[in-house]
Amino acid sequence: AQAMSGKGRPEDEILSIGDRCVQRTVFRFFGGLASGAVIGLLIFRRSGSRLFLAGLGGGVGLGNAYSACQLDLHEAEKAGRKFPRLSTLVPGGIPVAQGPRA
């Protein structure tokens, strides 16, 4: 019932967005990789060029998924949802690297 009303806990919503992001990233990476590999097989004769095009396709898929996940998070925050920051979730805070001591 909470998921239907959209008033669930922020932790549950961030996990839901995270799950969608992971799924989207996997599908888009492998989809781009496969697309690049197929196009490379059709266009190029040398294996280096084929691998480059497959890698480029995978990179485009990763970048696309990252942009979509970032957009999901920004839209959720614009809708008024407040997500806990990492510093509040880690007991004792996040250790910060100290500079050289004089």
PDB file of N, CA and C in Angstrom:
ATOM      1  N   ALA A   1       0.820  -1.192   0.000  1.00  0.00           N
ATOM      2  CA  ALA A   1       0.000   0.000   0.000  1.00  0.00           C
ATOM      3  C   ALA A   1       0.861   1.252   0.000  1.00  0.00           C
ATOM      4  N   GLN A   2       2.015   1.196   0.683  1.00  0.00           N
ATOM      5  CA  GLN A   2       2.884   2.358   0.708  1.00  0.00           C
ATOM      6  C   GLN A   2       3.483   2.637  -0.661  1.00  0.00           C
ATOM      7  N   ALA A   3       3.853   1.594  -1.385  1.00  0.00           N
ATOM      8  CA  ALA A   3       4.454   1.786  -2.701  1.00  0.00           C
ATOM      9  C   ALA A   3       3.449   2.386  -3.676  1.00  0.00           C
ATOM     10  N   MET A   4       2.175   2.044  -3.500  1.00  0.00           N
ATOM     11  CA  MET A   4       1.156   2.561  -4.401  1.00  0.00           C
ATOM     12  C   MET A   4       0.902   4.043  -4.167  1.00  0.00           C
ATOM     13  N   SER A   5       1.000   4.502  -2.913  1.00  0.00           N
ATOM     14  CA  SER A   5       0.701   5.898  -2.620  1.00  0.00           C
ATOM     15  C   SER A   5       1.889   6.803  -2.893  1.00  0.00           C
ATOM     16  N   GLY A   6       3.089   6.228  -3.042  1.00  0.00           N
ATOM     17  CA  GLY A   6       4.258   7.036  -3.313  1.00  0.00           C
ATOM     18  C   GLY A   6       4.822   7.691  -2.065  1.00  0.00           C
ATOM     19  N   LYS A   7       4.347   7.290  -0.866  1.00  0.00           N
ATOM     20  CA  LYS A   7       4.813   7.890   0.377  1.00  0.00           C
ATOM     21  C   LYS A   7       5.568   6.869   1.208  1.00  0.00           C
ATOM     22  N   GLY A   8       6.367   6.051   0.570  1.00  0.00           N
ATOM     23  CA  GLY A   8       7.156   5.071   1.301  1.00  0.00           C
ATOM     24  C   GLY A   8       8.367   5.742   1.930  1.00  0.00           C
ATOM     25  N   ARG A   9       9.159   4.936   2.579  1.00  0.00           N
ATOM     26  CA  ARG A   9      10.372   5.469   3.203  1.00  0.00           C
ATOM     27  C   ARG A   9      11.359   5.900   2.132  1.00  0.00           C
ATOM     28  N   PRO A  10      12.143   6.949   2.380  1.00  0.00           N
ATOM     29  CA  PRO A  10      13.143   7.392   1.397  1.00  0.00           C
ATOM     30  C   PRO A  10      14.160   6.299   1.086  1.00  0.00           C
ATOM     31  N   GLU A  11      14.492   5.481   2.093  1.00  0.00           N
ATOM     32  CA  GLU A  11      15.470   4.414   1.870  1.00  0.00           C
ATOM     33  C   GLU A  11      14.937   3.391   0.871  1.00  0.00           C
ATOM     34  N   ASP A  12      13.630   3.101   0.971  1.00  0.00           N
ATOM     35  CA  ASP A  12      13.032   2.147   0.040  1.00  0.00           C
ATOM     36  C   ASP A  12      13.017   2.707  -1.376  1.00  0.00           C
ATOM     37  N   GLU A  13      12.733   3.994  -1.480  1.00  0.00           N
ATOM     38  CA  GLU A  13      12.690   4.597  -2.813  1.00  0.00           C
ATOM     39  C   GLU A  13      14.077   4.666  -3.443  1.00  0.00           C
ATOM     40  N   ILE A  14      15.088   5.005  -2.651  1.00  0.00           N
ATOM     41  CA  ILE A  14      16.441   5.075  -3.205  1.00  0.00           C
ATOM     42  C   ILE A  14      16.903   3.682  -3.624  1.00  0.00           C
ATOM     43  N   LEU A  15      16.486   2.640  -2.871  1.00  0.00           N
ATOM     44  CA  LEU A  15      16.821   1.274  -3.279  1.00  0.00           C
ATOM     45  C   LEU A  15      16.108   0.891  -4.569  1.00  0.00           C
ATOM     46  N   SER A  16      14.870   1.341  -4.723  1.00  0.00           N
ATOM     47  CA  SER A  16      14.120   1.069  -5.942  1.00  0.00           C
ATOM     48  C   SER A  16      14.772   1.745  -7.142  1.00  0.00           C
ATOM     49  N   ILE A  17      15.168   2.993  -6.955  1.00  0.00           N
ATOM     50  CA  ILE A  17      15.853   3.709  -8.037  1.00  0.00           C
ATOM     51  C   ILE A  17      17.184   3.034  -8.335  1.00  0.00           C
ATOM     52  N   GLY A  18      17.888   2.608  -7.292  1.00  0.00           N
ATOM     53  CA  GLY A  18      19.164   1.912  -7.487  1.00  0.00           C
ATOM     54  C   GLY A  18      19.000   0.607  -8.244  1.00  0.00           C
ATOM     55  N   ASP A  19      17.957  -0.144  -7.907  1.00  0.00           N
ATOM     56  CA  ASP A  19      17.697  -1.396  -8.622  1.00  0.00           C
ATOM     57  C   ASP A  19      17.433  -1.146 -10.103  1.00  0.00           C
ATOM     58  N   ARG A  20      16.624  -0.123 -10.386  1.00  0.00           N
ATOM     59  CA  ARG A  20      16.346   0.218 -11.789  1.00  0.00           C
ATOM     60  C   ARG A  20      17.615   0.647 -12.506  1.00  0.00           C
ATOM     61  N   CYS A  21      18.467   1.382 -11.800  1.00  0.00           N
ATOM     62  CA  CYS A  21      19.711   1.847 -12.413  1.00  0.00           C
ATOM     63  C   CYS A  21      20.649   0.687 -12.742  1.00  0.00           C
ATOM     64  N   VAL A  22      20.755  -0.258 -11.817  1.00  0.00           N
ATOM     65  CA  VAL A  22      21.619  -1.418 -12.072  1.00  0.00           C
ATOM     66  C   VAL A  22      21.090  -2.226 -13.250  1.00  0.00           C
ATOM     67  N   GLN A  23      19.786  -2.460 -13.266  1.00  0.00           N
ATOM     68  CA  GLN A  23      19.189  -3.216 -14.364  1.00  0.00           C
ATOM     69  C   GLN A  23      19.379  -2.485 -15.694  1.00  0.00           C
ATOM     70  N   ARG A  24      19.123  -1.207 -15.690  1.00  0.00           N
ATOM     71  CA  ARG A  24      19.271  -0.404 -16.905  1.00  0.00           C
ATOM     72  C   ARG A  24      20.720  -0.404 -17.391  1.00  0.00           C
ATOM     73  N   THR A  25      21.661  -0.300 -16.446  1.00  0.00           N
ATOM     74  CA  THR A  25      23.078  -0.267 -16.805  1.00  0.00           C
ATOM     75  C   THR A  25      23.509  -1.579 -17.448  1.00  0.00           C
ATOM     76  N   VAL A  26      23.095  -2.685 -16.866  1.00  0.00           N
ATOM     77  CA  VAL A  26      23.480  -3.993 -17.417  1.00  0.00           C
ATOM     78  C   VAL A  26      22.908  -4.170 -18.824  1.00  0.00           C
ATOM     79  N   PHE A  27      21.613  -3.882 -18.981  1.00  0.00           N
ATOM     80  CA  PHE A  27      20.993  -4.069 -20.297  1.00  0.00           C
ATOM     81  C   PHE A  27      21.593  -3.138 -21.353  1.00  0.00           C
ATOM     82  N   ARG A  28      21.803  -1.886 -20.991  1.00  0.00           N
ATOM     83  CA  ARG A  28      22.317  -0.939 -21.987  1.00  0.00           C
ATOM     84  C   ARG A  28      23.774  -1.187 -22.314  1.00  0.00           C
ATOM     85  N   PHE A  29      24.568  -1.608 -21.319  1.00  0.00           N
ATOM     86  CA  PHE A  29      25.972  -1.913 -21.598  1.00  0.00           C
ATOM     87  C   PHE A  29      26.082  -3.090 -22.558  1.00  0.00           C
ATOM     88  N   PHE A  30      25.403  -4.191 -22.217  1.00  0.00           N
ATOM     89  CA  PHE A  30      25.503  -5.373 -23.076  1.00  0.00           C
ATOM     90  C   PHE A  30      24.794  -5.167 -24.411  1.00  0.00           C
ATOM     91  N   GLY A  31      23.737  -4.373 -24.415  1.00  0.00           N
ATOM     92  CA  GLY A  31      23.086  -4.042 -25.689  1.00  0.00           C
ATOM     93  C   GLY A  31      24.001  -3.234 -26.591  1.00  0.00           C
ATOM     94  N   GLY A  32      24.682  -2.251 -26.023  1.00  0.00           N
ATOM     95  CA  GLY A  32      25.637  -1.458 -26.800  1.00  0.00           C
ATOM     96  C   GLY A  32      26.820  -2.291 -27.257  1.00  0.00           C
ATOM     97  N   LEU A  33      27.286  -3.170 -26.365  1.00  0.00           N
ATOM     98  CA  LEU A  33      28.400  -4.048 -26.709  1.00  0.00           C
ATOM     99  C   LEU A  33      28.026  -4.964 -27.871  1.00  0.00           C
ATOM    100  N   ALA A  34      26.842  -5.559 -27.797  1.00  0.00           N
ATOM    101  CA  ALA A  34      26.385  -6.457 -28.866  1.00  0.00           C
ATOM    102  C   ALA A  34      26.159  -5.698 -30.165  1.00  0.00           C
ATOM    103  N   SER A  35      25.551  -4.517 -30.071  1.00  0.00           N
ATOM    104  CA  SER A  35      25.314  -3.721 -31.276  1.00  0.00           C
ATOM    105  C   SER A  35      26.626  -3.335 -31.939  1.00  0.00           C
ATOM    106  N   GLY A  36      27.584  -2.890 -31.115  1.00  0.00           N
ATOM    107  CA  GLY A  36      28.892  -2.530 -31.666  1.00  0.00           C
ATOM    108  C   GLY A  36      29.598  -3.713 -32.291  1.00  0.00           C
ATOM    109  N   ALA A  37      29.468  -4.883 -31.656  1.00  0.00           N
ATOM    110  CA  ALA A  37      30.112  -6.075 -32.197  1.00  0.00           C
ATOM    111  C   ALA A  37      29.501  -6.482 -33.535  1.00  0.00           C
ATOM    112  N   VAL A  38      28.183  -6.432 -33.635  1.00  0.00           N
ATOM    113  CA  VAL A  38      27.517  -6.801 -34.891  1.00  0.00           C
ATOM    114  C   VAL A  38      27.872  -5.819 -36.003  1.00  0.00           C
ATOM    115  N   ILE A  39      27.829  -4.520 -35.682  1.00  0.00           N
ATOM    116  CA  ILE A  39      28.179  -3.522 -36.696  1.00  0.00           C
ATOM    117  C   ILE A  39      29.642  -3.673 -37.092  1.00  0.00           C
ATOM    118  N   GLY A  40      30.509  -3.965 -36.098  1.00  0.00           N
ATOM    119  CA  GLY A  40      31.925  -4.184 -36.403  1.00  0.00           C
ATOM    120  C   GLY A  40      32.141  -5.382 -37.303  1.00  0.00           C
ATOM    121  N   LEU A  41      31.387  -6.444 -37.097  1.00  0.00           N
ATOM    122  CA  LEU A  41      31.510  -7.621 -37.957  1.00  0.00           C
ATOM    123  C   LEU A  41      31.081  -7.310 -39.392  1.00  0.00           C
ATOM    124  N   LEU A  42      30.074  -6.461 -39.521  1.00  0.00           N
ATOM    125  CA  LEU A  42      29.567  -6.138 -40.851  1.00  0.00           C
ATOM    126  C   LEU A  42      30.454  -5.149 -41.600  1.00  0.00           C
ATOM    127  N   ILE A  43      31.101  -4.260 -40.877  1.00  0.00           N
ATOM    128  CA  ILE A  43      31.835  -3.169 -41.543  1.00  0.00           C
ATOM    129  C   ILE A  43      33.331  -3.428 -41.655  1.00  0.00           C
ATOM    130  N   PHE A  44      33.957  -3.886 -40.567  1.00  0.00           N
ATOM    131  CA  PHE A  44      35.417  -3.972 -40.533  1.00  0.00           C
ATOM    132  C   PHE A  44      35.919  -5.390 -40.735  1.00  0.00           C
ATOM    133  N   ARG A  45      37.147  -5.482 -41.245  1.00  0.00           N
ATOM    134  CA  ARG A  45      37.780  -6.782 -41.455  1.00  0.00           C
ATOM    135  C   ARG A  45      38.771  -7.102 -40.344  1.00  0.00           C
ATOM    136  N   ARG A  46      39.403  -6.081 -39.794  1.00  0.00           N
ATOM    137  CA  ARG A  46      40.417  -6.305 -38.760  1.00  0.00           C
ATOM    138  C   ARG A  46      39.767  -6.435 -37.393  1.00  0.00           C
ATOM    139  N   SER A  47      40.315  -7.348 -36.588  1.00  0.00           N
ATOM    140  CA  SER A  47      39.721  -7.610 -35.276  1.00  0.00           C
ATOM    141  C   SER A  47      39.884  -6.424 -34.328  1.00  0.00           C
ATOM    142  N   GLY A  48      40.963  -5.654 -34.473  1.00  0.00           N
ATOM    143  CA  GLY A  48      41.169  -4.497 -33.609  1.00  0.00           C
ATOM    144  C   GLY A  48      40.077  -3.456 -33.794  1.00  0.00           C
ATOM    145  N   SER A  49      39.682  -3.240 -35.031  1.00  0.00           N
ATOM    146  CA  SER A  49      38.611  -2.290 -35.312  1.00  0.00           C
ATOM    147  C   SER A  49      37.278  -2.796 -34.791  1.00  0.00           C
ATOM    148  N   ARG A  50      37.076  -4.097 -34.896  1.00  0.00           N
ATOM    149  CA  ARG A  50      35.833  -4.690 -34.388  1.00  0.00           C
ATOM    150  C   ARG A  50      35.752  -4.545 -32.867  1.00  0.00           C
ATOM    151  N   LEU A  51      36.862  -4.815 -32.185  1.00  0.00           N
ATOM    152  CA  LEU A  51      36.884  -4.685 -30.733  1.00  0.00           C
ATOM    153  C   LEU A  51      36.680  -3.236 -30.306  1.00  0.00           C
ATOM    154  N   PHE A  52      37.285  -2.320 -31.044  1.00  0.00           N
ATOM    155  CA  PHE A  52      37.121  -0.908 -30.728  1.00  0.00           C
ATOM    156  C   PHE A  52      35.649  -0.503 -30.836  1.00  0.00           C
ATOM    157  N   LEU A  53      35.004  -0.919 -31.901  1.00  0.00           N
ATOM    158  CA  LEU A  53      33.598  -0.555 -32.094  1.00  0.00           C
ATOM    159  C   LEU A  53      32.702  -1.206 -31.039  1.00  0.00           C
ATOM    160  N   ALA A  54      33.013  -2.439 -30.648  1.00  0.00           N
ATOM    161  CA  ALA A  54      32.245  -3.089 -29.583  1.00  0.00           C
ATOM    162  C   ALA A  54      32.444  -2.345 -28.262  1.00  0.00           C
ATOM    163  N   GLY A  55      33.672  -1.974 -27.955  1.00  0.00           N
ATOM    164  CA  GLY A  55      33.944  -1.212 -26.738  1.00  0.00           C
ATOM    165  C   GLY A  55      33.286   0.147 -26.747  1.00  0.00           C
ATOM    166  N   LEU A  56      33.286   0.779 -27.895  1.00  0.00           N
ATOM    167  CA  LEU A  56      32.625   2.078 -28.028  1.00  0.00           C
ATOM    168  C   LEU A  56      31.122   1.934 -27.777  1.00  0.00           C
ATOM    169  N   GLY A  57      30.521   0.889 -28.318  1.00  0.00           N
ATOM    170  CA  GLY A  57      29.099   0.644 -28.092  1.00  0.00           C
ATOM    171  C   GLY A  57      28.791   0.403 -26.626  1.00  0.00           C
ATOM    172  N   GLY A  58      29.638  -0.363 -25.944  1.00  0.00           N
ATOM    173  CA  GLY A  58      29.464  -0.593 -24.515  1.00  0.00           C
ATOM    174  C   GLY A  58      29.603   0.692 -23.718  1.00  0.00           C
ATOM    175  N   GLY A  59      30.553   1.536 -24.103  1.00  0.00           N
ATOM    176  CA  GLY A  59      30.743   2.820 -23.433  1.00  0.00           C
ATOM    177  C   GLY A  59      29.559   3.751 -23.625  1.00  0.00           C
ATOM    178  N   VAL A  60      29.016   3.763 -24.820  1.00  0.00           N
ATOM    179  CA  VAL A  60      27.830   4.585 -25.088  1.00  0.00           C
ATOM    180  C   VAL A  60      26.655   4.085 -24.245  1.00  0.00           C
ATOM    181  N   GLY A  61      26.515   2.782 -24.126  1.00  0.00           N
ATOM    182  CA  GLY A  61      25.443   2.214 -23.296  1.00  0.00           C
ATOM    183  C   GLY A  61      25.607   2.590 -21.830  1.00  0.00           C
ATOM    184  N   LEU A  62      26.851   2.531 -21.319  1.00  0.00           N
ATOM    185  CA  LEU A  62      27.099   2.925 -19.930  1.00  0.00           C
ATOM    186  C   LEU A  62      26.795   4.405 -19.705  1.00  0.00           C
ATOM    187  N   GLY A  63      27.234   5.247 -20.616  1.00  0.00           N
ATOM    188  CA  GLY A  63      26.981   6.677 -20.486  1.00  0.00           C
ATOM    189  C   GLY A  63      25.499   6.994 -20.531  1.00  0.00           C
ATOM    190  N   ASN A  64      24.791   6.318 -21.393  1.00  0.00           N
ATOM    191  CA  ASN A  64      23.345   6.525 -21.501  1.00  0.00           C
ATOM    192  C   ASN A  64      22.645   6.103 -20.218  1.00  0.00           C
ATOM    193  N   ALA A  65      23.035   4.977 -19.656  1.00  0.00           N
ATOM    194  CA  ALA A  65      22.424   4.492 -18.418  1.00  0.00           C
ATOM    195  C   ALA A  65      22.742   5.429 -17.257  1.00  0.00           C
ATOM    196  N   TYR A  66      23.963   5.940 -17.200  1.00  0.00           N
ATOM    197  CA  TYR A  66      24.339   6.875 -16.139  1.00  0.00           C
ATOM    198  C   TYR A  66      23.492   8.140 -16.209  1.00  0.00           C
ATOM    199  N   SER A  67      23.308   8.669 -17.395  1.00  0.00           N
ATOM    200  CA  SER A  67      22.494   9.871 -17.563  1.00  0.00           C
ATOM    201  C   SER A  67      21.053   9.625 -17.135  1.00  0.00           C
ATOM    202  N   ALA A  68      20.507   8.474 -17.497  1.00  0.00           N
ATOM    203  CA  ALA A  68      19.122   8.158 -17.133  1.00  0.00           C
ATOM    204  C   ALA A  68      18.979   7.994 -15.617  1.00  0.00           C
ATOM    205  N   CYS A  69      19.957   7.383 -14.972  1.00  0.00           N
ATOM    206  CA  CYS A  69      19.900   7.212 -13.508  1.00  0.00           C
ATOM    207  C   CYS A  69      20.006   8.558 -12.805  1.00  0.00           C
ATOM    208  N   GLN A  70      20.877   9.403 -13.301  1.00  0.00           N
ATOM    209  CA  GLN A  70      21.016  10.733 -12.718  1.00  0.00           C
ATOM    210  C   GLN A  70      19.709  11.512 -12.861  1.00  0.00           C
ATOM    211  N   LEU A  71      19.066  11.382 -13.994  1.00  0.00           N
ATOM    212  CA  LEU A  71      17.789  12.050 -14.218  1.00  0.00           C
ATOM    213  C   LEU A  71      16.715  11.516 -13.263  1.00  0.00           C
ATOM    214  N   ASP A  72      16.688  10.203 -13.039  1.00  0.00           N
ATOM    215  CA  ASP A  72      15.733   9.614 -12.092  1.00  0.00           C
ATOM    216  C   ASP A  72      15.918  10.194 -10.690  1.00  0.00           C
ATOM    217  N   LEU A  73      17.161  10.314 -10.254  1.00  0.00           N
ATOM    218  CA  LEU A  73      17.423  10.842  -8.916  1.00  0.00           C
ATOM    219  C   LEU A  73      17.037  12.315  -8.807  1.00  0.00           C
ATOM    220  N   HIS A  74      17.353  13.104  -9.833  1.00  0.00           N
ATOM    221  CA  HIS A  74      16.999  14.524  -9.807  1.00  0.00           C
ATOM    222  C   HIS A  74      15.483  14.715  -9.823  1.00  0.00           C
ATOM    223  N   GLU A  75      14.781  13.911 -10.593  1.00  0.00           N
ATOM    224  CA  GLU A  75      13.322  14.019 -10.631  1.00  0.00           C
ATOM    225  C   GLU A  75      12.699  13.651  -9.285  1.00  0.00           C
ATOM    226  N   ALA A  76      13.256  12.648  -8.630  1.00  0.00           N
ATOM    227  CA  ALA A  76      12.734  12.253  -7.318  1.00  0.00           C
ATOM    228  C   ALA A  76      12.970  13.370  -6.298  1.00  0.00           C
ATOM    229  N   GLU A  77      14.116  14.025  -6.358  1.00  0.00           N
ATOM    230  CA  GLU A  77      14.381  15.123  -5.428  1.00  0.00           C
ATOM    231  C   GLU A  77      13.524  16.334  -5.746  1.00  0.00           C
ATOM    232  N   LYS A  78      13.257  16.577  -7.028  1.00  0.00           N
ATOM    233  CA  LYS A  78      12.374  17.695  -7.402  1.00  0.00           C
ATOM    234  C   LYS A  78      10.949  17.448  -6.930  1.00  0.00           C
ATOM    235  N   ALA A  79      10.558  16.177  -6.832  1.00  0.00           N
ATOM    236  CA  ALA A  79       9.209  15.829  -6.385  1.00  0.00           C
ATOM    237  C   ALA A  79       9.060  15.997  -4.870  1.00  0.00           C
ATOM    238  N   GLY A  80      10.120  16.461  -4.225  1.00  0.00           N
ATOM    239  CA  GLY A  80      10.043  16.737  -2.798  1.00  0.00           C
ATOM    240  C   GLY A  80      10.546  15.630  -1.902  1.00  0.00           C
ATOM    241  N   ARG A  81      11.116  14.594  -2.470  1.00  0.00           N
ATOM    242  CA  ARG A  81      11.626  13.508  -1.644  1.00  0.00           C
ATOM    243  C   ARG A  81      13.031  13.872  -1.169  1.00  0.00           C
ATOM    244  N   LYS A  82      13.261  13.666   0.079  1.00  0.00           N
ATOM    245  CA  LYS A  82      14.581  13.934   0.660  1.00  0.00           C
ATOM    246  C   LYS A  82      15.266  12.603   0.915  1.00  0.00           C
ATOM    247  N   PHE A  83      16.402  12.430   0.313  1.00  0.00           N
ATOM    248  CA  PHE A  83      17.162  11.211   0.497  1.00  0.00           C
ATOM    249  C   PHE A  83      18.240  11.443   1.539  1.00  0.00           C
ATOM    250  N   PRO A  84      18.491  10.437   2.383  1.00  0.00           N
ATOM    251  CA  PRO A  84      19.555  10.601   3.376  1.00  0.00           C
ATOM    252  C   PRO A  84      20.914  10.669   2.686  1.00  0.00           C
ATOM    253  N   ARG A  85      21.749  11.549   3.152  1.00  0.00           N
ATOM    254  CA  ARG A  85      23.098  11.668   2.611  1.00  0.00           C
ATOM    255  C   ARG A  85      23.972  10.575   3.202  1.00  0.00           C
ATOM    256  N   LEU A  86      25.013  10.228   2.503  1.00  0.00           N
ATOM    257  CA  LEU A  86      25.892   9.150   2.932  1.00  0.00           C
ATOM    258  C   LEU A  86      26.489   9.446   4.299  1.00  0.00           C
ATOM    259  N   SER A  87      26.801  10.701   4.562  1.00  0.00           N
ATOM    260  CA  SER A  87      27.426  11.049   5.838  1.00  0.00           C
ATOM    261  C   SER A  87      26.509  10.776   7.014  1.00  0.00           C
ATOM    262  N   THR A  88      25.190  10.785   6.799  1.00  0.00           N
ATOM    263  CA  THR A  88      24.267  10.500   7.898  1.00  0.00           C
ATOM    264  C   THR A  88      24.029   9.004   8.069  1.00  0.00           C
ATOM    265  N   LEU A  89      24.360   8.211   7.066  1.00  0.00           N
ATOM    266  CA  LEU A  89      24.143   6.771   7.140  1.00  0.00           C
ATOM    267  C   LEU A  89      25.317   6.031   7.754  1.00  0.00           C
ATOM    268  N   VAL A  90      26.515   6.628   7.709  1.00  0.00           N
ATOM    269  CA  VAL A  90      27.710   5.971   8.222  1.00  0.00           C
ATOM    270  C   VAL A  90      27.877   6.350   9.691  1.00  0.00           C
ATOM    271  N   PRO A  91      27.891   5.371  10.597  1.00  0.00           N
ATOM    272  CA  PRO A  91      28.062   5.702  12.022  1.00  0.00           C
ATOM    273  C   PRO A  91      29.401   6.388  12.255  1.00  0.00           C
ATOM    274  N   GLY A  92      29.353   7.514  12.921  1.00  0.00           N
ATOM    275  CA  GLY A  92      30.596   8.245  13.201  1.00  0.00           C
ATOM    276  C   GLY A  92      31.003   9.153  12.062  1.00  0.00           C
ATOM    277  N   GLY A  93      30.228   9.210  10.999  1.00  0.00           N
ATOM    278  CA  GLY A  93      30.556  10.090   9.869  1.00  0.00           C
ATOM    279  C   GLY A  93      31.542   9.437   8.920  1.00  0.00           C
ATOM    280  N   ILE A  94      31.824  10.151   7.858  1.00  0.00           N
ATOM    281  CA  ILE A  94      32.766   9.667   6.843  1.00  0.00           C
ATOM    282  C   ILE A  94      34.145  10.218   7.166  1.00  0.00           C
ATOM    283  N   PRO A  95      35.145   9.342   7.302  1.00  0.00           N
ATOM    284  CA  PRO A  95      36.491   9.845   7.604  1.00  0.00           C
ATOM    285  C   PRO A  95      37.009  10.676   6.430  1.00  0.00           C
ATOM    286  N   VAL A  96      37.604  11.788   6.764  1.00  0.00           N
ATOM    287  CA  VAL A  96      38.146  12.689   5.747  1.00  0.00           C
ATOM    288  C   VAL A  96      39.661  12.601   5.814  1.00  0.00           C
ATOM    289  N   ALA A  97      40.279  12.479   4.666  1.00  0.00           N
ATOM    290  CA  ALA A  97      41.740  12.395   4.621  1.00  0.00           C
ATOM    291  C   ALA A  97      42.342  13.710   5.101  1.00  0.00           C
ATOM    292  N   GLN A  98      43.304  13.609   5.980  1.00  0.00           N
ATOM    293  CA  GLN A  98      43.986  14.778   6.497  1.00  0.00           C
ATOM    294  C   GLN A  98      45.224  15.039   5.670  1.00  0.00           C
ATOM    295  N   GLY A  99      45.552  16.284   5.519  1.00  0.00           N
ATOM    296  CA  GLY A  99      46.747  16.654   4.782  1.00  0.00           C
ATOM    297  C   GLY A  99      48.003  16.315   5.580  1.00  0.00           C
ATOM    298  N   PRO A 100      49.162  16.600   4.996  1.00  0.00           N
ATOM    299  CA  PRO A 100      50.414  16.298   5.714  1.00  0.00           C
ATOM    300  C   PRO A 100      50.499  17.134   6.993  1.00  0.00           C
ATOM    301  N   ARG A 101      50.971  16.488   8.026  1.00  0.00           N
ATOM    302  CA  ARG A 101      51.107  17.194   9.313  1.00  0.00           C
ATOM    303  C   ARG A 101      52.473  17.844   9.385  1.00  0.00           C
ATOM    304  N   ALA A 102      52.464  19.067   9.825  1.00  0.00           N
ATOM    305  CA  ALA A 102      53.732  19.818   9.898  1.00  0.00           C
ATOM    306  C   ALA A 102      54.398  19.631  11.228  1.00  0.00           C
TER     307      ALA A 102
END
